[in-house]
Amino acid sequence: LEERVDLAGETDAKVSQATTLAQSGQLTEALALLAAMEKKCRLGNDNPSLVKVCEASLKLCKDHGNDNFESLIATLQTLSTRRSQKTAAIRALVQTALPWCVQEPYTPMPVANE
């Protein structure tokens, strides 16, 4: 078994810093900050912090991204296809984003298949 590194304190600090950046209109910088933290949590085998970072990334995209969901979809694709991504992170991504994608009455979100 891999040893788990506890990154909870650093994760909380980075999430609040990214939230501040996103609120000031710097969503790209906020997502870059969280992407670096995601990698650190994933490689450090800290699943609770990894889940928190993934959820925060999606929420920032939804709250501060443009109306056409481009940043949300790009973030979902990036985080879900990371090499050696943890199952807990994938589960969190799906559970967080699914309610935003399925609305009543159901109309599918436009997603470009490449």
Foldseek 3Di string as FASTA:
>chain_A
DAAADDCVVVLVVLLVVLVVCLVVPNNVVSLVSLVVVLVVRLVRVPLVSNLVSLLSNLVSCVPRNDPLCPSNVVSLVVQVPDPNRDPSNPVSSCVNCVVVQADPVGDGRDDDDD
